[in-house]
Protein backbone atom coordinates (compact mmCIF):
# COMPACT_ATOMS: atom_id res chain seq x y z
CA MET A 1 0.00 0.00 0.00
CA LEU A 2 2.81 2.40 0.88
CA TYR A 3 4.49 1.60 -2.43
CA LEU A 4 1.30 2.43 -4.29
CA GLN A 5 0.93 5.71 -2.41
CA LYS A 6 4.50 6.73 -3.20
CA ARG A 7 4.08 5.73 -6.81
CA SER A 8 0.83 7.71 -7.08
CA PHE A 9 2.48 10.73 -5.45
CA THR A 10 5.40 10.59 -7.90
CA THR A 11 3.07 10.10 -10.86
CA ASN A 12 0.98 13.10 -9.83
CA ARG A 13 4.04 15.28 -9.62
CA VAL A 14 5.31 14.12 -13.00
CA MET A 15 1.90 14.77 -14.55
CA LYS A 16 1.88 18.22 -12.98
CA HIS A 17 5.28 19.00 -14.53
CA ILE A 18 4.21 17.60 -17.90
CA LEU A 19 1.06 19.74 -17.81
CA ALA A 20 3.16 22.82 -17.03
CA LEU A 21 5.46 21.87 -19.89
CA PHE A 22 2.51 21.56 -22.28
CA VAL A 23 1.43 25.06 -21.21
CA SER A 24 4.94 26.39 -21.87
CA VAL A 25 5.11 24.73 -25.28
CA ALA A 26 1.64 26.02 -26.16
CA LEU A 27 2.66 29.52 -25.20
CA ILE A 28 5.78 29.14 -27.35
CA LEU A 29 3.62 28.23 -30.33
CA PHE A 30 1.23 31.14 -29.92
CA ALA A 31 3.48 33.84 -28.47
CA GLY A 32 4.57 36.24 -31.15
CA VAL A 33 6.53 38.75 -29.07
CA ASN A 34 9.25 38.71 -26.50
CA LEU A 35 7.99 39.51 -23.02
CA ALA A 36 11.39 39.74 -21.40
CA SER A 37 15.06 39.82 -22.36
CA ALA A 38 17.09 37.03 -20.84
CA ALA A 39 18.05 34.28 -23.31
CA THR A 40 19.86 33.83 -26.63
CA LEU A 41 19.56 31.12 -29.27
CA GLN A 42 22.89 30.60 -31.01
CA LEU A 43 24.69 28.38 -33.53
CA SER A 44 28.29 27.24 -33.31
CA THR A 45 30.69 25.03 -35.27
CA GLU A 46 34.39 24.23 -35.04
CA LYS A 47 35.45 26.22 -38.10
CA ASP A 48 33.96 28.45 -40.75
CA ALA A 49 35.66 27.20 -43.94
CA PHE A 50 34.90 23.85 -45.59
CA ALA A 51 35.63 22.03 -48.81
CA ILE A 52 32.90 20.92 -51.18
CA GLY A 53 31.82 17.45 -50.11
CA ASP A 54 32.71 17.97 -46.44
CA GLN A 55 30.24 17.18 -43.70
CA PHE A 56 30.19 19.30 -40.54
CA THR A 57 28.07 19.60 -37.44
CA VAL A 58 26.43 22.75 -36.09
CA ASP A 59 25.41 22.89 -32.43
CA VAL A 60 22.15 24.67 -31.59
CA LYS A 61 22.58 26.10 -28.10
CA VAL A 62 20.82 28.38 -25.64
CA ASP A 63 22.45 30.96 -23.40
CA SER A 64 19.85 31.45 -20.67
CA GLU A 65 21.71 34.49 -19.28
CA GLY A 66 21.00 33.42 -15.73
CA SER A 67 17.30 32.68 -16.16
CA GLY A 68 15.83 29.24 -15.55
CA ILE A 69 14.28 27.86 -18.75
CA ASN A 70 12.36 24.69 -19.59
CA ALA A 71 11.29 24.86 -23.25
CA VAL A 72 12.71 26.01 -26.59
CA GLN A 73 11.46 26.32 -30.15
CA GLY A 74 13.33 27.31 -33.28
CA VAL A 75 13.53 27.25 -37.06
CA VAL A 76 16.98 27.16 -38.72
CA GLN A 77 17.26 28.24 -42.35
CA ILE A 78 20.07 27.44 -44.84
CA SER A 79 20.86 28.25 -48.45
CA LYS A 80 19.83 25.22 -50.51
CA ASP A 81 22.39 26.08 -53.20
CA VAL A 82 25.40 25.66 -50.89
CA LEU A 83 24.33 23.28 -48.12
CA GLU A 84 22.33 20.12 -47.70
CA ILE A 85 20.86 18.91 -44.39
CA VAL A 86 22.01 15.39 -43.54
CA GLY A 87 20.35 14.86 -40.17
CA VAL A 88 19.34 16.19 -36.76
CA ASP A 89 20.58 14.59 -33.54
CA LYS A 90 18.89 15.30 -30.19
CA SER A 91 21.19 13.07 -28.11
CA GLY A 92 23.01 15.05 -25.45
CA SER A 93 20.25 17.67 -25.35
CA VAL A 94 19.25 19.10 -21.99
CA PHE A 95 15.64 18.81 -23.15
CA ASN A 96 14.09 15.39 -22.75
CA PHE A 97 10.53 16.01 -23.93
CA TRP A 98 9.74 16.74 -27.57
CA LEU A 99 6.29 17.81 -28.69
CA THR A 100 7.36 16.52 -32.11
CA GLU A 101 10.68 15.00 -33.05
CA PRO A 102 13.14 17.49 -34.61
CA THR A 103 12.54 17.55 -38.36
CA PHE A 104 14.28 18.90 -41.44
CA SER A 105 13.45 19.44 -45.10
CA ASN A 106 15.91 20.05 -47.93
CA ASP A 107 13.03 21.29 -50.06
CA SER A 108 12.52 24.26 -47.73
CA GLY A 109 16.06 24.28 -46.33
CA GLN A 110 14.71 24.34 -42.78
CA VAL A 111 15.24 22.53 -39.48
CA ASN A 112 12.36 22.67 -36.95
CA PHE A 113 12.39 21.71 -33.29
CA ILE A 114 10.21 22.16 -30.19
CA GLY A 115 11.61 20.68 -26.99
CA GLY A 116 11.11 20.95 -23.27
CA SER A 117 11.94 19.48 -19.92
CA THR A 118 10.11 18.82 -16.68
CA SER A 119 13.02 20.51 -14.90
CA GLY A 120 14.36 24.01 -15.32
CA PHE A 121 17.91 24.70 -16.49
CA SER A 122 20.23 27.65 -16.80
CA GLY A 123 23.64 27.94 -18.39
CA ARG A 124 25.64 29.80 -21.02
CA SER A 125 25.81 26.98 -23.58
CA LEU A 126 22.87 24.60 -23.12
CA GLN A 127 22.73 21.96 -25.83
CA VAL A 128 19.50 21.75 -27.85
CA VAL A 129 20.23 19.68 -30.97
CA LYS A 130 23.07 18.94 -33.40
CA VAL A 131 22.51 19.45 -37.12
CA THR A 132 24.78 17.80 -39.69
CA PHE A 133 25.26 19.49 -43.07
CA ARG A 134 26.99 18.50 -46.32
CA VAL A 135 28.65 21.13 -48.48
CA LYS A 136 27.47 20.87 -52.08
CA GLY A 137 28.30 24.29 -53.48
CA SER A 138 30.92 26.99 -53.11
CA GLY A 139 30.64 30.48 -51.77
CA LYS A 140 29.84 32.32 -48.57
CA THR A 141 26.52 31.46 -46.94
CA ASP A 142 24.66 32.12 -43.71
CA ILE A 143 22.94 29.67 -41.37
CA VAL A 144 20.32 31.65 -39.47
CA PHE A 145 17.29 31.44 -37.21
CA THR A 146 14.04 32.59 -38.78
CA ASP A 147 11.90 31.95 -35.70
CA GLY A 148 12.47 31.07 -32.08
CA ALA A 149 11.25 31.24 -28.50
CA VAL A 150 12.57 30.26 -25.08
CA THR A 151 10.29 29.98 -22.06
CA ALA A 152 11.20 30.58 -18.45
CA SER A 153 10.60 27.86 -15.90
CA ASP A 154 8.39 30.22 -13.89
CA GLY A 155 5.12 28.36 -14.45
CA SER A 156 3.71 31.11 -16.67
CA GLY A 157 5.54 30.32 -19.91
CA THR A 158 7.18 33.74 -20.15
CA ASN A 159 9.09 34.11 -23.40
CA VAL A 160 12.59 35.22 -22.39
CA LEU A 161 14.26 35.14 -25.81
CA SER A 162 16.23 38.32 -26.45
CA SER A 163 18.32 37.49 -29.54
CA MET A 164 19.18 34.81 -32.09
CA LYS A 165 22.73 34.44 -33.42
CA GLY A 166 23.45 32.54 -36.61
CA LEU A 167 26.82 31.94 -38.29
CA SER A 168 28.51 32.38 -41.63
CA ILE A 169 30.61 29.77 -43.43
CA THR A 170 32.68 29.74 -46.58
CA SER A 171 33.02 26.75 -48.90
CA ALA A 172 35.35 26.10 -51.80
CA PRO A 173 36.95 23.24 -53.70
CA LYS A 174 39.65 21.43 -51.73
CA SER A 175 42.35 22.92 -53.90
CA GLU A 176 41.28 26.42 -52.89
CA LEU A 177 40.51 25.74 -49.23
CA GLU A 178 44.02 26.56 -48.03
CA THR A 179 43.75 30.04 -49.47
CA ILE A 180 40.57 30.88 -47.54
CA THR A 181 41.42 29.19 -44.25
CA PRO A 182 42.71 31.82 -41.82
CA LYS A 183 46.20 31.21 -40.47
CA PRO A 184 48.19 33.05 -37.83
CA THR A 185 49.79 36.25 -39.04
CA GLN A 186 53.49 35.50 -39.50
CA ILE A 187 56.20 37.75 -38.08
CA THR A 188 59.38 38.32 -40.07
CA ARG A 189 62.39 39.59 -38.14
CA PRO A 190 66.02 38.66 -37.41
CA ALA A 191 66.41 36.56 -34.27
CA GLU A 192 69.03 37.21 -31.63
CA ARG A 193 71.47 34.46 -30.72
CA ALA A 194 70.62 32.62 -27.49
CA GLU A 195 72.75 30.74 -25.02
CA ARG A 196 70.00 28.39 -23.74
CA VAL A 197 66.69 26.98 -24.84
CA PRO A 198 63.64 29.28 -24.50
CA ALA A 199 61.70 29.56 -21.26
CA LYS A 200 58.18 28.24 -20.94
CA PRO A 201 55.75 30.65 -22.66
CA GLU A 202 53.40 32.92 -20.70
CA ILE A 203 50.07 33.26 -22.47
CA GLN A 204 46.73 35.05 -22.20
CA VAL A 205 43.61 33.22 -23.37
CA VAL A 206 40.59 35.38 -24.17
CA GLY A 207 37.41 33.70 -22.93
CA TYR A 208 39.26 31.25 -20.68
CA ARG A 209 41.48 33.51 -18.62
CA ASP A 210 41.78 31.31 -15.51
CA PRO A 211 43.11 27.77 -16.05
CA GLU A 212 41.72 26.70 -12.67
CA THR A 213 38.13 27.70 -13.47
CA TRP A 214 35.41 25.65 -15.09
CA TYR A 215 33.61 27.42 -17.95
CA SER A 216 30.13 26.81 -19.34
CA HIS A 217 30.56 28.25 -22.83
CA VAL A 218 32.01 26.84 -26.03
CA THR A 219 33.39 29.32 -28.51
CA ARG A 220 36.32 30.11 -30.69
CA PHE A 221 38.99 31.77 -28.67
CA SER A 222 42.28 33.52 -29.15
CA ALA A 223 45.53 33.04 -27.27
CA SER A 224 48.43 35.46 -27.31
CA TRP A 225 51.96 35.58 -25.89
CA GLN A 226 55.05 37.74 -25.81
CA LEU A 227 57.87 36.64 -28.12
CA PRO A 228 61.41 37.01 -26.75
CA ASN A 229 63.86 38.38 -29.32
CA ASP A 230 65.62 35.04 -29.76
CA ILE A 231 62.51 33.03 -30.74
CA THR A 232 62.39 31.67 -34.28
CA ASP A 233 59.49 29.17 -34.17
CA VAL A 234 56.23 28.53 -32.34
CA SER A 235 54.38 25.22 -32.01
CA THR A 236 50.81 24.84 -30.67
CA VAL A 237 48.28 22.07 -30.32
CA ILE A 238 45.11 21.32 -28.33
CA SER A 239 44.59 17.87 -26.82
CA LYS A 240 43.11 16.07 -23.85
CA ASP A 241 46.58 14.87 -22.78
CA PRO A 242 47.93 17.17 -20.06
CA THR A 243 51.55 16.20 -20.95
CA HIS A 244 51.34 16.34 -24.73
CA ILE A 245 54.31 18.00 -26.46
CA PRO A 246 53.65 19.63 -29.84
CA VAL A 247 56.08 18.95 -32.65
CA GLY A 248 56.75 20.81 -35.83
CA SER A 249 56.97 24.55 -36.38
CA GLU A 250 53.97 26.66 -37.40
CA GLY A 251 56.14 29.69 -38.06
CA LEU A 252 56.62 32.78 -35.95
CA PHE A 253 53.50 34.48 -34.58
CA ASP A 254 52.31 35.97 -31.29
CA ASN A 255 48.59 35.07 -31.36
CA LYS A 256 46.30 32.45 -32.82
CA ILE A 257 42.57 31.78 -33.04
CA PHE A 258 41.51 28.28 -32.02
CA PRO A 259 38.26 26.42 -32.81
CA PRO A 260 35.66 25.60 -30.15
CA MET A 261 36.55 22.68 -27.91
CA SER A 262 34.44 19.82 -26.68
CA GLU A 263 33.30 19.41 -23.09
CA GLY A 264 35.76 18.24 -20.49
CA VAL A 265 39.31 19.27 -19.70
CA SER A 266 41.50 20.15 -22.67
CA TYR A 267 44.97 21.60 -22.79
CA LEU A 268 46.47 24.22 -25.04
CA HIS A 269 50.13 23.25 -25.47
CA VAL A 270 52.53 26.00 -26.56
CA ARG A 271 56.32 26.01 -26.84
CA PHE A 272 59.05 28.14 -28.43
CA ARG A 273 62.25 27.35 -30.33
CA ASN A 274 65.45 29.38 -30.73
CA ASN A 275 68.83 28.66 -32.19
CA ILE A 276 69.59 26.26 -29.32
CA GLY A 277 66.42 24.21 -29.74
CA TRP A 278 62.86 23.73 -28.45
CA GLY A 279 62.06 24.91 -24.95
CA PRO A 280 59.68 23.41 -22.36
CA THR A 281 55.96 23.22 -23.16
CA LEU A 282 53.25 25.23 -21.44
CA HIS A 283 50.20 23.07 -20.80
CA TYR A 284 47.32 25.56 -20.35
CA ARG A 285 44.25 23.94 -18.84
CA ILE A 286 40.83 24.81 -20.29
CA ALA A 287 37.90 23.14 -18.50
CA ILE A 288 34.47 23.24 -20.16
CA ASP A 289 31.18 21.92 -18.83
CA THR A 290 28.08 23.03 -20.74
CA THR A 291 25.72 20.36 -19.44
CA PRO A 292 23.67 21.11 -16.31
CA PRO A 293 23.54 18.49 -13.58
CA PRO A 294 20.94 15.79 -14.24
CA ALA A 295 17.39 16.40 -13.05
CA PHE A 296 16.85 15.32 -9.46
CA GLN A 297 13.89 14.60 -7.23
CA VAL A 298 12.69 16.83 -4.41
CA ARG A 299 10.35 15.52 -1.73
CA ILE A 300 8.64 17.13 1.25
CA ARG A 301 8.52 14.57 4.04
CA GLU A 302 5.29 15.93 5.51
CA GLY A 303 3.67 16.24 2.08
CA GLU A 304 3.19 19.26 -0.14
CA ALA A 305 0.19 20.36 1.97
CA THR A 306 0.95 20.30 5.70
CA ASP A 307 0.17 22.15 8.91
CA SER A 308 3.81 21.90 10.01
CA PRO A 309 5.47 25.33 9.80
CA THR A 310 8.92 23.72 9.49
CA PRO A 311 8.65 20.97 6.87
CA THR A 312 11.74 19.00 5.87
CA MET A 313 12.76 18.68 2.24
CA ASP A 314 14.89 15.86 0.81
CA TYR A 315 16.97 16.34 -2.35
CA THR A 316 20.24 15.10 -3.79
CA ALA A 317 21.85 15.99 -7.10
CA ALA A 318 25.07 14.96 -8.81
CA ASP A 319 27.34 16.24 -11.56
CA GLY A 320 29.83 13.95 -13.21
CA LEU A 321 32.02 16.53 -14.94
CA SER A 322 32.77 19.76 -13.09
CA GLY A 323 31.15 18.66 -9.83
CA LEU A 324 28.51 20.38 -7.72
CA LYS A 325 29.27 23.81 -6.36
CA ARG A 326 26.15 24.51 -4.32
CA TYR A 327 22.44 24.02 -3.77
CA PHE A 328 20.03 26.92 -3.46
CA ILE A 329 16.40 27.43 -2.48
CA GLN A 330 14.17 30.22 -3.78
CA MET A 331 10.72 30.97 -2.37
CA ASN A 332 8.03 32.74 -4.41
CA GLY A 333 10.55 34.34 -6.74
CA GLY A 334 12.56 35.93 -3.92
CA GLY A 335 16.30 35.85 -3.36
CA GLN A 336 18.32 32.66 -3.51
CA LEU A 337 19.39 31.04 -0.26
CA THR A 338 22.50 28.86 -0.54
CA VAL A 339 22.05 25.63 1.41
CA GLU A 340 23.88 22.39 2.00
CA LYS A 341 22.99 19.00 0.60
CA GLY A 342 19.58 17.77 1.77
CA PRO A 343 17.71 17.27 3.94
CA TYR A 344 16.78 20.89 4.59
CA THR A 345 14.35 22.02 7.29
CA PHE A 346 12.60 25.31 6.67
CA GLU A 347 12.56 28.12 9.15
CA PRO A 348 9.00 28.61 10.49
CA LEU A 349 6.74 29.58 7.59
CA LYS A 350 3.54 31.57 7.75
CA PRO A 351 0.35 29.94 6.47
CA GLY A 352 -0.11 30.19 2.74
CA LYS A 353 0.98 28.79 -0.60
CA TYR A 354 4.59 28.85 -1.73
CA ILE A 355 6.37 28.10 -4.99
CA VAL A 356 9.63 26.46 -3.92
CA LYS A 357 12.49 26.29 -6.39
CA VAL A 358 15.38 23.98 -5.50
CA GLY A 359 18.46 24.37 -7.68
CA ALA A 360 21.78 22.59 -8.02
CA GLU A 361 24.66 24.53 -9.58
CA ASP A 362 27.85 22.92 -10.86
CA ASN A 363 31.30 24.48 -10.82
CA ALA A 364 30.83 25.82 -14.34
CA GLY A 365 27.69 27.74 -13.38
CA ASN A 366 25.18 25.40 -15.04
CA VAL A 367 22.00 25.02 -13.02
CA VAL A 368 19.23 22.44 -12.87
CA GLU A 369 16.05 23.45 -11.05
CA ASN A 370 13.14 21.59 -9.57
CA ILE A 371 9.94 23.46 -8.70
CA LEU A 372 7.23 22.28 -6.35
CA ASP A 373 4.16 23.76 -4.70
CA LEU A 374 4.10 23.89 -0.91
CA GLU A 375 1.05 24.80 1.17
CA ILE A 376 1.33 25.56 4.89
CA LYS A 377 -2.10 25.07 6.42
CA PRO A 378 -3.14 27.53 9.15
CA LEU A 379 -4.24 26.76 12.68
CA GLU A 380 -7.88 27.36 13.55
CA ALA A 381 -8.30 31.11 13.79
CA PRO A 382 -9.02 32.66 17.22
CA LYS A 383 -12.12 34.76 17.90
CA ILE A 384 -12.57 38.16 19.53
CA THR A 385 -15.78 38.01 21.57
CA SER A 386 -15.60 41.23 23.59
CA LEU A 387 -13.85 44.58 23.39
CA THR A 388 -14.07 47.60 25.71
CA SER A 389 -16.76 49.80 24.19
CA ASP A 390 -15.58 53.18 25.49
CA VAL A 391 -11.88 53.96 25.18
CA PHE A 392 -10.71 57.47 26.00
CA VAL A 393 -7.63 59.49 25.10
CA GLY A 394 -4.79 59.31 27.61
CA GLU A 395 -6.22 56.25 29.30
CA GLY A 396 -5.54 52.52 29.02
CA ARG A 397 -7.84 49.82 30.27
CA LEU A 398 -8.57 48.40 26.81
CA ASP A 399 -9.83 44.89 27.58
CA ILE A 400 -10.02 42.16 24.91
CA ILE A 401 -11.70 38.79 25.48
CA GLY A 402 -11.91 35.87 23.09
CA THR A 403 -11.72 32.15 22.40
CA ALA A 404 -9.15 29.96 20.64
CA LEU A 405 -7.72 26.46 20.64
CA PRO A 406 -6.89 25.28 24.19
CA ASP A 407 -3.43 25.98 25.64
CA ILE A 408 -2.16 28.11 22.77
CA THR A 409 -0.29 31.41 22.49
CA LEU A 410 -2.13 34.47 21.20
CA GLN A 411 -0.25 37.38 19.64
CA VAL A 412 -2.45 40.43 20.18
CA GLN A 413 -1.62 43.66 18.38
CA LEU A 414 -3.17 47.10 18.61
CA LYS A 415 -2.93 48.75 15.20
CA THR A 416 -3.99 52.01 13.68
CA LYS A 417 -6.56 51.78 10.92
CA GLU A 418 -3.67 52.25 8.48
CA GLY A 419 -1.88 49.16 9.86
CA GLN A 420 0.84 50.68 12.07
CA ILE A 421 1.48 48.64 15.22
CA GLU A 422 1.03 50.77 18.34
CA GLN A 423 1.18 48.09 21.04
CA ALA A 424 1.63 44.32 21.14
CA ILE A 425 1.22 41.71 23.83
CA GLU A 426 1.18 37.92 24.15
CA THR A 427 -1.29 35.92 26.15
CA HIS A 428 -2.38 32.30 26.41
CA SER A 429 -5.66 30.48 26.18
CA ASP A 430 -6.65 28.23 29.05
CA ALA A 431 -7.59 24.56 28.93
CA HIS A 432 -11.06 25.53 27.72
CA GLY A 433 -9.79 27.87 25.00
CA SER A 434 -10.74 31.13 26.74
CA TRP A 435 -8.34 34.08 26.81
CA ALA A 436 -8.30 37.70 27.89
CA THR A 437 -5.77 40.52 27.92
CA ARG A 438 -5.56 44.28 28.44
CA PHE A 439 -3.64 47.20 26.98
CA ASP A 440 -2.86 49.61 29.84
CA ARG A 441 -0.69 52.16 28.08
CA PRO A 442 -2.40 55.51 27.35
CA LEU A 443 -3.77 55.82 23.83
CA LYS A 444 -3.87 58.70 21.40
CA LYS A 445 -6.97 59.91 19.64
CA GLY A 446 -7.73 57.96 16.45
CA ASP A 447 -9.23 54.87 14.85
CA TYR A 448 -7.79 51.47 15.80
CA VAL A 449 -8.25 47.72 15.29
CA ILE A 450 -7.21 44.67 17.28
CA GLU A 451 -5.42 41.88 15.38
CA VAL A 452 -5.02 38.43 16.95
CA THR A 453 -2.92 35.51 15.66
CA ALA A 454 -2.69 32.06 17.25
CA ARG A 455 0.64 30.20 17.54
CA ASP A 456 1.22 26.69 18.83
CA GLY A 457 4.34 25.12 20.30
CA ARG A 458 5.69 24.16 16.87
CA GLY A 459 5.51 27.75 15.67
CA ALA A 460 2.50 27.07 13.45
CA LEU A 461 0.30 30.14 12.98
CA SER A 462 -3.31 30.89 12.23
CA TYR A 463 -4.44 33.54 9.84
CA PRO A 464 -4.80 36.83 11.74
CA VAL A 465 -8.26 37.89 12.94
CA THR A 466 -9.09 41.60 12.96
CA SER A 467 -11.73 43.38 15.03
CA ASP A 468 -14.04 46.09 13.78
CA VAL A 469 -12.62 49.60 13.79
CA PHE A 470 -13.11 51.41 17.11
CA ARG A 471 -12.41 55.01 18.03
CA VAL A 472 -10.37 56.40 20.91
CA ARG A 473 -11.91 59.75 21.83
CA PRO A 474 -11.62 62.34 24.63
CA ARG A 475 -13.59 61.59 27.81
CA PRO A 476 -16.86 63.63 27.93
CA ALA A 477 -17.27 66.33 30.67
CA LEU A 478 -21.07 66.32 30.47
CA VAL A 479 -23.43 63.44 29.74
CA LEU A 480 -27.15 64.00 29.24
CA GLY A 481 -28.78 60.74 28.22
CA LYS A 482 -27.20 59.81 24.92
CA PHE A 483 -25.75 63.26 24.52
CA GLU A 484 -22.08 63.60 25.50
CA MET A 485 -19.97 66.69 25.70
CA THR A 486 -16.22 66.65 26.18
CA GLN A 487 -14.35 69.15 28.33
CA PHE A 488 -13.23 70.98 25.23
CA TRP A 489 -16.75 71.45 23.94
CA PHE A 490 -18.10 72.14 27.44
CA PHE A 491 -15.74 75.06 27.97
CA THR A 492 -16.11 76.13 24.38
CA VAL A 493 -19.89 76.32 24.74
CA LEU A 494 -19.51 78.07 28.13
CA ILE A 495 -17.18 80.70 26.72
CA ILE A 496 -19.42 81.19 23.70
CA GLY A 497 -22.42 81.52 26.06
CA LEU A 498 -20.67 84.14 28.21
CA ILE A 499 -19.61 86.07 25.17
CA GLY A 500 -23.16 85.82 23.82
CA ALA A 501 -24.64 87.00 27.13
CA PHE A 502 -22.26 89.95 27.23
CA ILE A 503 -23.16 90.92 23.70
CA ALA A 504 -26.89 90.49 24.42
CA GLY A 505 -26.61 92.64 27.58
CA TRP A 506 -24.73 95.30 25.74
CA LEU A 507 -27.32 95.30 22.97
CA PHE A 508 -30.14 95.41 25.55
CA VAL A 509 -28.63 98.41 27.34
CA LYS A 510 -28.05 100.11 24.04
CA PHE A 511 -31.66 99.43 23.03
CA GLU A 512 -32.97 100.75 26.38
CA ARG A 513 -30.97 103.91 26.02
CA GLU A 514 -32.33 104.43 22.55
CA GLN A 515 -35.89 103.79 23.79
CA ARG A 516 -35.45 106.24 26.70
CA SER A 517 -34.09 108.85 24.34
CA ARG A 518 -37.08 108.43 22.06
CA LYS A 519 -39.51 108.70 25.03
CA ILE A 520 -37.84 111.90 26.27
CA VAL A 521 -38.09 113.42 22.81
CA ILE A 522 -41.77 112.46 22.59
CA CYS A 523 -42.45 113.85 26.10
CA GLN A 524 -40.69 117.08 25.25
CA ARG A 525 -42.74 117.37 22.08
CA ASP A 526 -46.04 116.71 23.86
CA VAL A 527 -45.30 119.18 26.73
CA THR A 528 -44.37 121.79 24.18
CA ASN A 529 -47.62 121.20 22.29
CA MET A 530 -49.71 121.40 25.50
CA LEU A 531 -48.02 124.61 26.61
CA ALA A 532 -48.62 126.02 23.16
CA MET A 533 -52.33 125.19 23.48
CA LEU A 534 -52.50 126.84 26.92
CA LYS A 535 -50.73 129.87 25.62
CA LYS A 536 -53.18 130.03 22.73
CA ASP A 537 -56.21 129.92 25.08
CA ILE A 538 -54.74 132.51 27.43
CA ASP A 539 -53.90 134.77 24.50
CA ARG A 540 -57.53 134.60 23.33
CA ILE A 541 -58.78 135.49 26.86
CA LEU A 542 -56.41 138.46 26.98
CA GLU A 543 -57.65 139.44 23.55
CA LYS A 544 -61.21 139.63 24.90
CA TYR A 545 -60.08 142.00 27.65
CA SER A 546 -58.07 144.17 25.37
CA ASP A 547 -60.82 146.92 25.14
CA ASP A 548 -61.57 146.85 28.93
CA LYS A 549 -65.22 146.15 28.11
CA ILE A 550 -66.87 142.82 28.54
CA ASP A 551 -70.36 142.04 27.43
CA GLU A 552 -72.44 139.02 28.21
CA THR A 553 -71.27 137.13 25.14
CA GLU A 554 -67.62 137.71 25.91
CA VAL A 555 -68.11 136.63 29.53
CA SER A 556 -69.55 133.37 28.33
CA GLU A 557 -66.70 132.86 25.88
CA ILE A 558 -64.05 133.71 28.54
CA ARG A 559 -65.61 131.17 30.84
CA HIS A 560 -65.41 128.57 28.06
CA LEU A 561 -61.77 129.37 27.33
CA ALA A 562 -60.83 129.31 31.02
CA LYS A 563 -62.59 125.97 31.46
CA ARG A 564 -60.79 124.50 28.44
CA ALA A 565 -57.44 125.87 29.71
CA SER A 566 -58.10 124.25 33.07
CA GLU A 567 -58.87 120.94 31.38
CA ASN A 568 -55.71 121.17 29.26
CA ILE A 569 -53.61 121.95 32.34
CA GLU A 570 -55.09 118.92 34.10
CA LYS A 571 -54.46 116.67 31.07
CA SER A 572 -50.92 118.01 30.67
CA GLY A 573 -50.16 117.33 34.30
CA LYS A 574 -51.38 113.76 34.06
CA TYR A 575 -49.56 113.19 30.76
CA CYS A 576 -46.28 114.64 32.06
CA VAL A 577 -46.44 112.46 35.14
CA GLN A 578 -47.22 109.39 33.01
CA SER A 579 -44.51 110.14 30.41
CA ILE A 580 -41.84 110.81 33.02
CA GLY A 581 -42.77 107.50 34.68
CA GLU A 582 -42.44 105.60 31.43
CA ILE A 583 -38.93 106.93 30.75
CA ASN A 584 -37.46 104.62 33.43
CA LYS A 585 -39.37 101.55 32.25
């Protein structure tokens, strides 16, 4: 039963990788533009001049430029007048899954390939396929890419192809080949006489500057050296034998271009000759490894979905050529963490889903990657059941009560509404799962939330639980039913009331003064009018006595005038008393 479970688990993972590969290949087929710049398709061969009838092999390679890739597609085009396609060989390719086998057609002069891998790779010279050509015509011709795509091993099929580099070759009849094959530029000069054989040469090799380093690229390269004045001949050769001694002179020259070398350790052997004889040979080591380490398995002991925050991962890779340099782990596209050989136990992880990339890098910088999905399941989330309803500025006493799993740690944080942590405290639930805590430090005015996260003894976490937003406000100085007034507003209203009362009093006094002034004016007017009436009556009486004779009619009229004057005096007295009394009201 266990065997069947393991087999099913492995099969599911393989199917998952194959499905992802199908997605990548599909995106290659339908993607018409580059979405990123991080990979180069390139062609290489040992030399660029051939005789008619020769067969030669061109390597189709990918420089991933540091990006992990898992699928490639390309179309190679030749001139049908000069070259003929003999065959395509996928052996030695880093890609082990082919949507269709690599094909070629001499009618169209094209080679087509679409390949992928369930693992990701990166390197400067990743092998795709080898194409063998036969030279059937003479002249200069180009072998080029007319289409291509490279997808990143990021699960989304991102096309990371940035450029495609072809090559040019020249062909001619065998009799003319020597004239077009480049040779070292010869130096003509008189040589000084020497007393001993030459010293071992000191050389500089462009592209392979350190003989102790492994390199992941294959290319033509140049080597140069200083020629002492007594040197008459130079001899060079490349071989796998670290003690090989070249024989025969190639002339006198101080630099030479060499063809690309095969994988493994090769040696460039160089020695000088003077009039005494040949000197010792320099054996310059050039180590090349273009093949990433083989794909390897990665397994999470607890399973790819677990509630353990510290799962353990098993993995082991190998590299038979340059040897392994390091392992690395990358989580969710973040930075690489260099680790030792498995097993590896994660630091406590928060709940959630992770894309885990495990890579093995050899000493040449080639990388093989394995990607898996990891889910850390959360603990049961705690609950906040009660929160102090009234929280005032400058005071603490913020009580929080809730429930959670029994005997568990609760991380309780007081945060602003914007997410800034103001205070934090830890508490524990009891055997029944109840918990309570309090924030006693004074609080500032503002809107806050409480966030609670559960943590068990293993370090496993729950998802955080957040309370509703609550407001910390100043304590009210006056409470009338549901109406509350803080000290600020209490004194503000009081001051406004006093100012209002002062203004109202001032306006009242001003109004009273104006009213009194109006009453005085009216009283003055009325007294003046009454006195004028009295004066008028008295003047009429005096007019009747002006001739010192009074008849019966005049007596009657004087009596009437005197009576009316008496009445007016009485009315005026009453009115004056009344008006003077009303002035002070």
